[in-house]
Structures are given as C-alpha cells and as structure tokens.
Protein backbone atom coordinates (compact mmCIF):
# COMPACT_ATOMS: atom_id res chain seq x y z
CA MET A 1 -13.11 11.19 101.37
CA PHE A 2 -12.52 8.22 99.09
CA LYS A 3 -15.55 9.58 96.89
CA LYS A 4 -13.52 13.30 96.51
CA THR A 5 -10.08 11.60 95.82
CA ILE A 6 -11.75 9.08 92.79
CA ARG A 7 -13.60 12.28 91.44
CA ASP A 8 -10.31 14.14 91.74
CA SER A 9 -7.73 12.02 90.47
CA SER A 10 -9.98 11.25 87.56
CA VAL A 11 -10.73 15.04 86.57
CA ALA A 12 -7.10 15.28 86.73
CA THR A 13 -6.45 12.78 84.15
CA LEU A 14 -8.63 13.27 82.16
CA ILE A 15 -7.77 17.31 81.78
CA GLY A 16 -3.72 16.33 81.60
CA LEU A 17 -4.68 13.57 78.69
CA VAL A 18 -6.21 16.78 76.73
CA PRO A 19 -2.74 18.99 76.08
CA HIS A 20 -1.03 15.01 76.07
CA TYR A 21 -3.12 14.15 72.99
CA LEU A 22 -2.61 17.39 70.93
CA SER A 23 1.08 17.04 71.76
CA PHE A 24 0.69 13.32 70.13
CA TYR A 25 -0.92 14.53 67.02
CA PHE A 26 0.46 17.80 66.39
CA ALA A 27 4.42 16.91 67.42
CA GLY A 28 4.24 13.01 67.19
CA THR A 29 4.95 12.79 70.91
CA PRO A 30 4.38 9.26 71.72
CA LEU A 31 0.66 8.69 74.22
CA LEU A 32 0.98 7.12 77.79
CA THR A 33 -2.37 5.12 77.44
CA GLU A 34 -0.57 3.54 74.53
CA SER A 35 2.62 1.88 76.24
CA ILE A 36 0.52 1.18 79.20
CA ALA A 37 -2.01 -0.35 77.10
CA GLU A 38 1.16 -2.46 75.00
CA TRP A 39 1.98 -3.83 78.13
CA ILE A 40 -1.98 -4.55 79.06
CA MET A 41 -1.89 -6.81 76.26
CA LYS A 42 1.73 -8.22 76.09
CA ASN A 43 1.62 -9.99 79.49
CA THR A 44 -2.32 -10.80 79.25
CA PRO A 45 -2.66 -14.45 79.11
CA SER A 46 -3.17 -16.12 75.78
CA ALA A 47 -6.15 -17.84 76.69
CA TRP A 48 -7.54 -14.37 78.11
CA ALA A 49 -6.27 -12.81 75.22
CA LEU A 50 -7.77 -15.01 72.92
CA TRP A 51 -11.07 -14.51 74.83
CA LEU A 52 -10.89 -11.09 74.64
CA LEU A 53 -10.24 -10.61 70.81
CA GLY A 54 -12.78 -13.24 70.28
CA TRP A 55 -15.70 -11.56 72.02
CA MET A 56 -14.27 -7.98 71.36
CA GLY A 57 -12.84 -7.80 67.91
CA PRO A 58 -11.16 -4.83 67.03
CA TRP A 59 -11.97 -3.37 70.59
CA ALA A 60 -9.60 -5.17 72.13
CA LYS A 61 -7.10 -2.52 71.94
CA PRO A 62 -9.04 0.41 72.54
CA PHE A 63 -10.09 -1.55 75.92
CA ALA A 64 -6.65 -1.95 76.82
CA VAL A 65 -6.02 1.83 76.62
CA THR A 66 -8.86 2.21 78.97
CA GLY A 67 -7.09 0.17 80.94
CA GLY A 68 -4.30 2.64 80.93
CA LEU A 69 -6.21 5.40 81.78
CA PHE A 70 -7.31 3.45 84.89
CA VAL A 71 -3.52 3.37 85.77
CA LEU A 72 -2.51 7.00 85.24
CA GLY A 73 -5.99 7.97 87.53
CA PHE A 74 -4.60 5.81 90.11
CA CYS A 75 -0.82 6.70 90.32
CA LEU A 76 -2.51 10.46 91.07
CA TRP A 77 -5.25 8.97 93.14
CA ILE A 78 -2.21 8.18 95.62
CA PRO A 79 -1.08 11.54 96.60
CA SER A 80 -4.31 13.13 95.85
CA MET A 81 -5.53 10.78 98.98
CA LEU A 82 -2.81 11.63 100.99
CA SER A 83 -2.59 15.17 100.31
CA TYR A 84 -6.19 15.40 101.82
CA TRP A 85 -4.86 14.53 105.42
CA ARG A 86 -3.69 18.22 105.23
CA ASN A 87 -5.54 21.82 104.58
CA ARG A 88 -2.50 24.14 104.00
CA LYS A 89 -2.69 24.44 100.65
CA TYR A 90 1.64 24.69 100.52
CA GLU A 91 0.98 21.34 102.83
CA ARG A 92 -1.08 19.78 99.97
CA PHE A 93 1.30 21.54 97.18
CA VAL A 94 4.47 19.67 98.70
CA ILE A 95 2.56 16.31 99.50
CA LEU A 96 1.47 15.91 95.87
CA ALA A 97 4.59 17.08 94.00
CA VAL A 98 6.95 14.62 96.56
CA LEU A 99 4.27 11.55 95.96
CA ALA A 100 3.89 12.19 92.22
CA ILE A 101 8.11 12.23 91.42
CA PRO A 102 8.50 8.39 92.42
CA ALA A 103 4.98 7.58 90.72
CA ILE A 104 5.96 9.33 87.39
CA LEU A 105 9.15 7.68 87.19
CA THR A 106 7.91 4.26 87.85
CA ILE A 107 5.53 4.41 85.30
CA HIS A 108 7.14 5.58 82.89
CA ARG A 109 10.29 2.67 83.81
CA PHE A 110 7.75 0.34 84.05
CA PHE A 111 5.81 1.04 80.79
CA ASP A 112 8.80 1.55 78.86
CA TYR A 113 7.65 5.02 78.09
CA HIS A 114 10.66 7.84 77.96
CA SER A 115 9.43 11.06 76.14
CA ALA A 116 10.21 14.00 77.92
CA ARG A 117 7.75 16.30 76.19
CA GLY A 118 4.84 13.67 76.67
CA ALA A 119 5.53 13.51 80.43
CA TRP A 120 5.17 16.98 80.66
CA MET A 121 2.54 17.91 78.26
CA PHE A 122 0.21 14.91 80.99
CA TRP A 123 1.61 15.25 84.07
CA ALA A 124 2.21 19.21 84.54
CA PRO A 125 -1.64 19.99 83.84
CA ALA A 126 -2.55 17.17 85.69
CA LEU A 127 -1.01 17.71 89.26
CA ILE A 128 -1.78 21.23 89.06
CA THR A 129 -5.67 20.12 87.97
CA LEU A 130 -5.19 18.04 90.84
CA PHE A 131 -4.32 20.85 93.14
CA LEU A 132 -7.06 23.12 92.15
CA VAL A 133 -10.16 20.55 92.59
CA GLY A 134 -9.32 19.52 95.68
CA LYS A 135 -9.08 22.97 97.43
CA PRO A 136 -11.13 22.78 100.30
CA HIS A 137 -13.21 26.42 98.92
CA LEU A 138 -14.99 24.21 96.25
CA GLU A 139 -17.66 23.12 98.26
CA LEU A 140 -20.06 23.02 95.25
CA LEU A 141 -18.02 20.34 94.19
CA ASP A 142 -17.85 18.58 97.37
CA GLU A 143 -21.19 17.96 98.38
CA ASP A 144 -22.72 14.41 97.75
CA TRP A 145 -25.67 14.21 95.28
CA GLY A 146 -27.77 13.89 98.14
CA GLU A 147 -27.10 17.15 99.39
CA ALA A 148 -27.29 18.75 95.93
CA SER A 149 -30.48 17.24 95.37
CA ASP A 150 -31.52 18.41 98.82
CA TYR A 151 -30.27 21.93 98.09
CA ALA A 152 -32.04 22.24 94.39
CA LEU A 153 -35.50 21.17 96.46
CA GLN A 154 -35.11 24.33 98.56
CA PHE A 155 -34.46 26.32 95.47
CA ILE A 156 -37.24 25.16 93.29
CA GLY A 157 -39.10 25.81 96.37
CA LYS A 158 -37.81 29.21 97.14
CA GLY A 159 -38.61 29.95 93.13
CA LYS A 160 -35.26 29.64 91.90
CA PRO A 161 -35.44 27.09 89.13
CA ARG A 162 -32.27 28.35 87.25
CA ARG A 163 -30.23 27.91 90.69
CA ALA A 164 -31.47 24.29 91.28
CA PHE A 165 -30.51 23.77 87.69
CA MET A 166 -26.79 25.15 87.63
CA LYS A 167 -26.53 23.62 91.12
CA LEU A 168 -27.52 20.19 89.63
CA ALA A 169 -25.74 20.76 86.71
CA ALA A 170 -22.33 21.10 88.17
CA LYS A 171 -22.79 17.95 89.76
CA ALA A 172 -23.45 16.19 86.59
CA ALA A 173 -20.72 17.93 85.26
CA ILE A 174 -18.36 15.58 87.30
CA PRO A 175 -19.79 12.19 86.37
CA ALA A 176 -20.34 12.98 82.71
CA LEU A 177 -16.69 14.33 82.24
CA MET A 178 -15.42 11.34 83.15
CA GLY A 179 -17.67 8.44 81.18
CA GLY A 180 -17.28 10.94 78.63
CA GLY A 181 -13.66 11.07 79.13
CA VAL A 182 -13.31 6.91 78.90
CA ALA A 183 -15.50 6.53 76.00
CA LEU A 184 -13.59 9.25 74.10
CA VAL A 185 -10.56 8.09 74.17
CA ALA A 186 -11.89 4.54 73.50
CA VAL A 187 -13.28 5.48 70.22
CA GLU A 188 -10.25 7.63 69.28
CA SER A 189 -8.18 4.63 70.03
CA TYR A 190 -10.26 2.30 67.81
CA LEU A 191 -10.49 5.16 65.19
CA ARG A 192 -6.93 5.25 65.23
CA GLU A 193 -5.60 1.77 65.12
CA ALA A 194 -8.37 0.46 61.95
CA ALA A 195 -6.49 4.51 60.11
CA LEU A 196 -3.12 2.62 60.83
CA ALA A 197 -4.05 -0.58 60.18
CA LYS A 198 -5.45 0.09 56.82
CA ARG A 199 -2.23 1.83 55.85
CA ALA A 200 -0.12 -0.62 56.83
CA ALA A 201 -1.72 -3.29 55.75
CA SER A 202 -1.92 -2.01 52.03
CA PRO A 203 1.71 -1.73 51.10
CA VAL A 204 2.71 0.45 48.01
CA SER A 205 4.85 0.47 45.15
CA LEU A 206 8.62 -0.02 46.54
CA PHE A 207 10.18 -2.20 43.52
CA SER A 208 10.74 -3.47 40.60
CA PHE A 209 11.98 -7.35 40.00
CA GLU A 210 11.24 -10.30 37.98
CA GLU A 211 10.68 -13.97 38.51
CA PRO A 212 14.36 -15.66 37.72
CA ALA A 213 13.93 -17.15 34.00
CA GLY A 214 12.79 -20.51 33.39
CA ALA A 215 11.23 -20.69 37.61
CA ALA A 216 7.67 -20.45 35.85
CA THR A 217 8.00 -23.79 34.32
CA PHE A 218 10.34 -25.69 36.26
CA ALA A 219 8.33 -28.88 37.42
CA PRO A 220 4.77 -27.89 36.76
CA GLY A 221 2.61 -29.46 38.97
CA LEU A 222 5.12 -31.03 40.58
CA THR A 223 6.95 -28.37 43.19
CA ARG A 224 5.24 -25.02 44.77
CA ALA A 225 6.24 -22.05 43.04
CA TRP A 226 9.32 -20.21 43.31
CA LEU A 227 8.10 -17.38 45.15
CA THR A 228 5.85 -17.35 47.71
CA PRO A 229 2.73 -14.71 47.32
CA THR A 230 2.59 -12.28 50.47
CA GLU A 231 -0.75 -13.24 51.36
CA LYS A 232 0.38 -16.97 51.17
CA PHE A 233 3.88 -16.10 53.14
CA TYR A 234 3.72 -18.05 56.68
CA ARG A 235 2.47 -15.41 59.58
CA MET A 236 4.18 -16.40 63.27
CA SER A 237 3.83 -13.44 66.04
CA LYS A 238 3.71 -13.83 69.75
CA ASN A 239 1.03 -11.13 69.84
CA ALA A 240 -2.99 -11.02 70.62
CA VAL A 241 -2.64 -7.99 67.82
CA ASP A 242 -0.03 -7.20 66.18
CA PRO A 243 1.42 -3.41 66.17
CA ALA A 244 -0.22 -0.74 63.50
CA ILE A 245 2.27 1.99 63.04
CA ASP A 246 2.16 5.32 62.27
CA PRO A 247 5.31 5.89 59.73
CA ARG A 248 4.87 9.76 60.40
CA THR A 249 6.12 9.63 64.00
CA TRP A 250 7.96 5.95 64.13
CA ARG A 251 11.62 6.12 64.45
CA LEU A 252 14.82 3.62 64.40
CA ASP A 253 17.01 4.12 67.29
CA ILE A 254 20.66 3.14 67.29
CA LYS A 255 22.19 3.05 70.38
CA SER A 256 25.61 2.94 72.50
CA ASP A 257 26.19 2.79 75.71
CA ASP A 258 22.39 3.66 76.27
CA ARG A 259 22.92 6.97 74.21
CA VAL A 260 21.16 7.23 70.92
CA ILE A 261 24.08 7.90 67.94
CA ARG A 262 21.59 7.72 65.03
CA SER A 263 17.84 8.24 64.50
CA TYR A 264 16.05 7.03 61.71
CA SER A 265 12.51 8.20 60.06
CA TYR A 266 10.72 6.04 57.85
CA GLU A 267 11.36 8.46 55.13
CA GLU A 268 14.84 8.49 55.68
CA LEU A 269 14.92 5.05 55.44
CA LEU A 270 12.94 5.10 51.76
CA ALA A 271 15.30 7.96 50.64
CA MET A 272 18.74 5.14 50.67
CA LYS A 273 20.25 2.64 48.26
CA ARG A 274 18.72 -0.65 48.70
CA GLU A 275 19.38 -4.03 47.96
CA ILE A 276 16.94 -6.68 46.41
CA ARG A 277 17.48 -10.31 47.31
CA PRO A 278 15.58 -13.39 47.54
CA VAL A 279 15.42 -14.83 51.09
CA THR A 280 13.59 -18.02 52.33
CA LEU A 281 12.53 -18.01 55.96
CA ARG A 282 11.52 -20.72 58.12
CA CYS A 283 9.57 -21.17 61.35
CA ILE A 284 11.30 -22.73 64.19
CA SER A 285 7.76 -24.24 65.28
CA ASN A 286 7.81 -26.16 62.65
CA THR A 287 7.42 -30.12 63.05
CA LEU A 288 8.73 -32.73 60.81
CA GLN A 289 4.77 -32.48 58.79
CA SER A 290 4.67 -28.99 59.06
CA ASP A 291 5.79 -26.46 56.49
CA LEU A 292 5.80 -23.31 57.73
CA MET A 293 8.54 -22.00 54.98
CA GLY A 294 8.33 -19.61 52.40
CA ASN A 295 10.18 -17.93 49.78
CA ALA A 296 9.87 -14.01 48.68
CA VAL A 297 12.03 -11.12 46.67
CA TRP A 298 13.04 -8.14 49.60
CA ALA A 299 14.15 -5.22 49.31
CA GLY A 300 16.10 -3.79 52.36
CA ILE A 301 19.51 -1.78 53.44
CA PRO A 302 22.50 -3.10 55.41
CA LEU A 303 23.58 -2.08 58.83
CA SER A 304 26.47 -0.77 57.45
CA GLN A 305 24.67 1.79 55.83
CA LEU A 306 22.92 3.13 59.10
CA VAL A 307 25.98 3.18 61.59
CA ASP A 308 30.17 2.70 61.22
CA ARG A 309 30.91 -0.21 61.93
CA LYS A 310 33.88 1.68 64.20
CA GLN A 311 31.43 2.81 66.19
CA ALA A 312 30.97 -0.13 68.37
CA PRO A 313 32.41 0.67 72.26
CA PRO A 314 35.23 -1.55 72.93
CA GLY A 315 34.00 -4.87 74.08
CA THR A 316 30.57 -5.20 71.87
CA ILE A 317 30.03 -8.97 71.34
CA ALA A 318 26.77 -8.28 69.95
CA ILE A 319 23.65 -6.52 68.29
CA VAL A 320 20.18 -6.39 69.93
CA PHE A 321 17.73 -5.84 67.70
CA GLU A 322 14.15 -4.83 69.26
CA GLY A 323 11.01 -4.75 67.95
CA VAL A 324 8.05 -2.15 68.92
CA ASP A 325 6.08 -5.42 70.58
CA GLY A 326 8.69 -5.74 72.94
CA HIS A 327 9.88 -8.95 70.66
CA GLY A 328 13.76 -8.67 70.71
CA ASP A 329 16.87 -11.14 69.46
CA SER A 330 20.45 -10.42 69.02
CA LEU A 331 23.26 -11.04 66.28
CA PRO A 332 26.82 -11.61 66.86
CA LEU A 333 29.00 -8.16 65.73
CA ASP A 334 30.82 -9.95 63.17
CA TYR A 335 26.92 -11.53 61.68
CA ALA A 336 25.40 -7.85 61.89
CA PHE A 337 27.59 -6.28 59.40
CA GLY A 338 27.68 -9.48 57.17
CA GLU A 339 26.81 -9.20 54.04
CA GLU A 340 24.03 -11.81 55.00
CA THR A 341 21.84 -9.22 57.17
CA ILE A 342 20.10 -6.35 55.66
CA LEU A 343 16.62 -4.43 56.85
CA ALA A 344 14.39 -4.96 54.76
CA LEU A 345 11.26 -2.13 53.72
CA GLY A 346 9.82 -4.23 51.03
CA MET A 347 8.49 -7.43 49.71
CA ASN A 348 7.80 -8.90 46.61
CA GLY A 349 7.89 -5.56 45.15
CA ARG A 350 6.01 -3.37 47.90
CA THR A 351 5.72 -1.84 51.32
CA LEU A 352 5.87 -4.43 54.10
CA SER A 353 2.59 -5.22 55.14
CA ARG A 354 1.83 -5.30 58.67
CA LYS A 355 1.73 -8.86 59.88
CA HIS A 356 5.23 -8.68 57.87
CA GLY A 357 6.42 -6.34 59.86
CA PHE A 358 5.59 -2.72 58.67
CA PRO A 359 7.56 -0.53 58.59
CA VAL A 360 11.41 -2.32 58.79
CA ARG A 361 12.66 -5.74 60.01
CA MET A 362 15.38 -7.85 59.93
CA LEU A 363 16.58 -10.64 57.49
CA CYS A 364 19.03 -13.40 58.66
CA PRO A 365 18.73 -15.88 56.67
CA ARG A 366 21.06 -17.99 58.73
CA TYR A 367 18.63 -18.12 61.57
CA TYR A 368 14.96 -19.56 62.02
CA GLY A 369 12.80 -16.80 61.35
CA PHE A 370 11.88 -15.78 65.01
CA LYS A 371 15.45 -14.17 65.17
CA ASN A 372 14.13 -12.02 62.08
CA ILE A 373 12.74 -9.60 63.97
CA LYS A 374 10.01 -7.27 62.82
CA TRP A 375 8.33 -3.83 63.18
CA LEU A 376 11.69 -2.61 64.18
CA LYS A 377 12.16 0.22 66.29
CA GLU A 378 16.02 0.05 68.16
CA ILE A 379 19.47 -1.40 67.65
CA ARG A 380 22.02 -1.60 70.13
CA PHE A 381 25.58 -2.67 70.72
CA THR A 382 25.59 -5.30 73.66
CA SER A 383 28.74 -6.28 75.74
CA GLU A 384 27.14 -8.92 77.56
CA PRO A 385 24.74 -11.99 76.20
CA TYR A 386 21.46 -10.75 75.47
CA SER A 387 18.32 -12.85 76.17
CA GLY A 388 15.98 -12.24 73.82
CA THR A 389 11.75 -13.50 73.77
CA TYR A 390 12.36 -17.03 72.74
CA GLN A 391 15.93 -17.13 74.88
CA LYS A 392 14.14 -16.55 77.73
CA MET A 393 11.79 -19.19 76.87
CA GLY A 394 14.40 -21.76 76.55
CA TYR A 395 15.39 -21.79 72.89
CA MET A 396 18.54 -22.15 71.68
CA ARG A 397 20.73 -18.28 71.18
CA ASP A 398 22.23 -19.56 68.00
CA ALA A 399 19.61 -21.07 66.20
CA VAL A 400 20.66 -21.70 62.77
CA VAL A 401 18.44 -23.22 60.24
CA HIS A 402 19.11 -27.29 59.91
CA THR A 403 19.23 -28.80 56.41
CA MET A 404 15.48 -30.03 55.21
CA SER A 405 13.68 -31.21 52.08
CA THR A 406 10.28 -31.49 51.10
CA ILE A 407 8.12 -33.97 49.27
CA ASP A 408 5.89 -31.75 47.23
CA GLU A 409 4.27 -33.97 45.34
CA VAL A 410 4.67 -37.16 43.84
CA ARG A 411 2.73 -38.71 40.75
CA ARG A 412 2.55 -41.39 38.93
CA GLU A 413 3.48 -41.92 35.17
CA GLY A 414 3.84 -44.99 33.27
CA ASP A 415 6.11 -47.05 35.28
CA ARG A 416 7.66 -44.15 36.77
CA LEU A 417 6.95 -41.98 39.94
CA LEU A 418 7.78 -37.97 39.47
CA VAL A 419 9.08 -36.40 42.46
CA GLY A 420 9.31 -32.40 43.03
CA GLY A 421 9.99 -30.77 46.05
CA VAL A 422 12.22 -27.99 47.65
CA ALA A 423 15.41 -28.10 49.68
CA PHE A 424 16.72 -24.99 52.28
CA ALA A 425 19.63 -24.85 54.48
CA GLY A 426 19.94 -21.38 55.30
CA SER A 427 22.40 -19.36 54.22
CA ARG A 428 24.75 -22.68 53.68
CA GLY A 429 22.66 -23.03 50.73
CA ILE A 430 22.07 -26.81 48.89
CA ARG A 431 24.36 -28.73 47.09
CA GLN A 432 22.53 -31.82 46.32
CA VAL A 433 19.13 -33.27 46.64
CA GLN A 434 19.16 -37.14 45.99
CA VAL A 435 15.42 -39.34 46.45
CA ARG A 436 14.65 -42.98 46.59
CA ILE A 437 11.47 -45.67 46.89
CA ASP A 438 11.53 -46.80 50.16
CA ASP A 439 14.88 -48.60 51.42
CA GLY A 440 16.38 -48.43 47.96
CA ASP A 441 19.34 -46.61 46.37
CA TRP A 442 19.21 -43.02 46.16
CA LYS A 443 18.79 -41.18 43.12
CA ASP A 444 20.19 -37.83 42.37
CA ALA A 445 17.60 -35.45 41.61
CA GLU A 446 17.18 -32.82 39.24
CA ILE A 447 18.05 -29.12 41.16
CA GLU A 448 17.19 -25.94 40.21
CA ALA A 449 19.69 -23.11 39.34
CA ALA A 450 20.54 -21.27 42.76
CA PHE A 451 19.04 -18.02 42.19
CA SER A 452 20.39 -16.54 45.32
CA PRO A 453 22.38 -18.14 48.12
CA TYR A 454 19.56 -17.56 50.68
CA SER A 455 16.61 -19.03 49.07
CA TRP A 456 15.61 -22.48 48.92
CA ARG A 457 16.04 -24.88 45.79
CA ARG A 458 13.40 -26.75 43.91
CA TYR A 459 13.97 -30.29 42.63
CA ARG A 460 12.71 -32.92 40.80
CA ALA A 461 13.46 -36.50 40.25
CA ALA A 462 11.92 -39.47 37.93
CA LEU A 463 11.98 -42.96 40.17
CA GLU A 464 10.99 -46.13 38.23
CA ALA A 465 7.66 -47.35 40.56
CA THR A 466 8.14 -50.71 41.76
CA PRO A 467 5.73 -53.17 43.30
CA GLY A 468 3.55 -52.36 46.66
CA ALA A 469 6.34 -49.29 47.76
CA ARG A 470 4.53 -47.89 50.54
CA GLN A 471 7.13 -44.86 50.44
CA VAL A 472 9.15 -41.90 49.10
CA GLN A 473 11.84 -40.39 50.54
CA ALA A 474 14.10 -37.58 50.07
CA ARG A 475 17.36 -35.89 51.54
CA ALA A 476 19.08 -32.38 50.53
CA MET A 477 23.30 -32.10 51.35
CA ASP A 478 24.16 -28.42 52.20
CA GLY A 479 26.86 -26.19 51.03
CA ASN A 480 29.27 -27.29 53.52
CA GLY A 481 28.93 -31.26 52.26
CA THR A 482 26.16 -32.40 55.06
CA TRP A 483 23.20 -34.43 54.75
CA GLN A 484 20.00 -33.55 56.24
CA SER A 485 19.40 -35.68 59.90
CA GLU A 486 18.57 -39.24 59.57
CA LYS A 487 17.42 -39.21 62.99
CA GLU A 488 14.44 -36.79 64.19
CA ILE A 489 15.81 -34.06 66.30
CA PRO A 490 12.78 -32.52 68.42
CA MET A 491 11.81 -28.73 67.43
CA PHE A 492 12.99 -27.33 71.06
CA PRO A 493 15.55 -25.93 71.57
CA GLY A 494 17.09 -25.95 68.41
CA GLY A 495 14.39 -26.44 65.76
CA VAL A 496 13.31 -29.40 64.44
CA ALA A 497 15.22 -31.81 62.49
CA GLY A 498 15.19 -35.48 60.68
CA PRO A 499 14.46 -37.51 57.48
CA THR A 500 11.76 -36.51 54.66
CA VAL A 501 9.22 -39.31 54.31
CA ARG A 502 6.02 -39.58 52.09
CA LYS A 503 3.62 -41.82 52.27
CA LEU A 504 1.82 -43.30 48.84
CA SER A 505 -1.26 -43.86 48.06
CA ILE A 506 -1.18 -44.18 44.35
C-alpha cells in the first residue's frame, strides 16, 4: 500500500501541475511551487544556503522548486494513504475530500499563497486524478515490477511479445513520468529564472538627468564622485538569492483592513508622473571603518499618487511596506505620506536593476537602508506597531540615520595637508563640516552646495602640516545644529555613530 500511495500521489501532483503551469503562462496565475520554494530559501540556515549556492549556483532555486513538488506530493499522499482503508468509491471520495480541504487551507496559509484560480487549477485535477488512479480495478498499475516481469515472461513464452511489451511499458511509464516531471519542473524554473534575471539585470532608459553644475570639478582627487554609479552602489540583502520578478504578472497591492483597495501593474506605475531627486542611502551595518553608502538620482512616485490618505481606517498609526522576499518594515503614517518618501522606479536614468529592487522599491532617506524596502509587493495600513525583519532581530523601529562624515583622501601639498570627504545626516541635511590635525583647533571646511535635501554633501579643507602629526579628524553638524557624536556608539541596535579619524602615513 505504501508504494501504491506514493505512486498515486506523485502522479496526481504532476497531473495537477499541468493546468496549474498553463494558467501561470497564459493568465499570470502565481505558482504554488514558487511560493513553497521562496519559503524554503528564506528559511534555510545561512550556512547551508551559502553552501548550496556555492555548489549548485543558478540551480539552487530550481532545487528548492522541486522541494515544492515534494510538499505538494506529501499533502496528497496523506489522504491517498488513508483512503485505501476503504474500498467503496464514495467512501474513498469522502475521505479524499474531507482530508484535502484542511491540507489545502494549511499549505496556502503557511506558504502565503492566495490565488483562488491557481488553487483550483492545481487541486481540482490533482484530487480527481488521485481518486481515479487509486481505484481498485486498475490492476495493471497495482502490480509491482516483479509481478509484471513474471507476466511478461509468460506472454513471451506464449508467443505474445506485444502484450508483454505493453505490460512492461505500462509499469515503466509511472517512474518515467515521475522522474521526467521533476526534471521538467526544475529545468523550467532554471530557464525562467535565467530569463527574468536577464530582464531585471538589464535596465532600460527611463528618465534623463544631468549632474549638478560644478559637481564634476569639486575637490578633484580629494573626494569620491558626487554620483555613485549603479554598479558600484552598495548592495545588502538578507536573501540567498534575490527575487527575479516578472513585470507582466507582478502587482503592487494596497490594502486596508486586509482588503485590497487598489492594485497596480508595472505598466500603470510607469505611466504615472514621476519625481526625480538625488537621495543618499546608508546601511545600518556600517562600522566606523566601513562605508556602505551611495548617492544616486532616483525617479519615483509619492504614495499620495497611489492612495488617498483619507482611505486610512480610523486608528491607523503606520503603513507597512512588504517585499516579495518577505522582508518588510513600517513607516509612521505622516512620514509615509510626507514629501520625503517615494516609491522608486528608476535609478541613475534607468529602470531599477534586480539587485536594487526591480520593479519598485521604497526610498525614505530619514532612515537607514533596511527600511527602504526593495521588490515591493504590498502596502497596507496598520493600527498596531509592526515588527519587520530587522525589528525581530532586535534593531530599533525608528532607525534614524546618525550624523556622520568620512575622510576620503588626505594629500600633502607643500606645507599643507589637503583633506576631502563627504558628510551625511539623512534628511536633516548638513550645515557645517570641520577638520583638524591631532587635538588641534577645529577649522571650517568648504562644503559643496546642497543639491538635494536628501543627499550627502562633499567638503574640502587645507590644514597646516605640523611636524609629527599622527592623524586627521573630521566632524559634521546636521541641519538641526547637532554635531556628530564624539563617543562611539555601537552598530546594534540603532546604527553606528562616533568620531571620524584617519591616521596619517604621509
């Protein structure tokens, strides 16, 4: 019975996937196997995930998809096994139906699958197949390989090789169907991921912009470029494999009281009026020695263009932004609808790349990078405090960027030391930057014009070189008149802060 039920549930799973995948390709229905695969990859321990990625490379995701096959097959195997206790057709039908319903509801809830069409397209044919292949009169399929071989030998001895061949072929068809089906699902996933990754990794022109006048000539050789090229913009992700999203089927849902009140396609978002602005992002994973920060020109849409604030239910305190990878965070209601926050569709003149959040991501420059959610799929109002991915790890909910500065370069020129770098304080802006040698007096630095209230400002200064000087220090004052911290504050739980120091080697 165990072999028969394994066989039956496997065949039913593969048969059910045929209309399910056809619905995906022709109607954009989400795939159950994809939802399960994403859950597997998200919950695989990091050490295992890295090992699998190193060993399997682009086949890691298809491997997880085949894990989705196993889960679906297991959910069908349980009612199949229990139904074999009864021989009457109606009894088996009742058992299959009664056991399948909680299995279906559980798997959809657990793996966050919500497509009614996709559910019907898989479960209906799968359960019908399970009922039919398990009928007792299908003796040909109920025989094991030994019996089939014995019968085949008898038929050959009687001069009936054709019937013998049909007997063995029928038995061979089942394992061939199972193995071939698994391989086909894996190959389909691989080819589809490769196509989507290529599409997402190959941004197209979206908007035009020019660097501010004078940006290319400010402090050459002393500071980094004002604009960070997209390929050099820092990238942090909690995913073993970042999502590859098909823009044809992707939707951005806006929810109120768990009800979708608006839903937008990628084409609809691209057709909307966009704002273009420079914005700097800084990662909360920085130490005082690391520099995970970049400045880009973004094109995006204010939240108010997508939903009226008046649609927020009474008692709403925040808005949750969630990505397709399950990473989410929230913003206070006033801030989410404020002028700082936009949904970015483009970066440095082109559509977003896969690693930077294609097709759309959040930009909220007051906060550290982890709150700028990538690969958005859902926006919803909430009346209770929301704990996102990083809050569950212990990070602060209100992770406001600390005022900071860098020393990009120190160069000797005669009896002077030329110093340059950048300063950033989120959306508070930078009012002043000072530098000094060792513990000497602070000297005001020249600051580049503020081209955006949300981007870094570069600075340059000339200091008198003193004999035996050991280090150069810099400090920045934010737009509120507060200097960056002179005392080091650890990265966890609210982001690193502290003095900016560079030892001299010249």
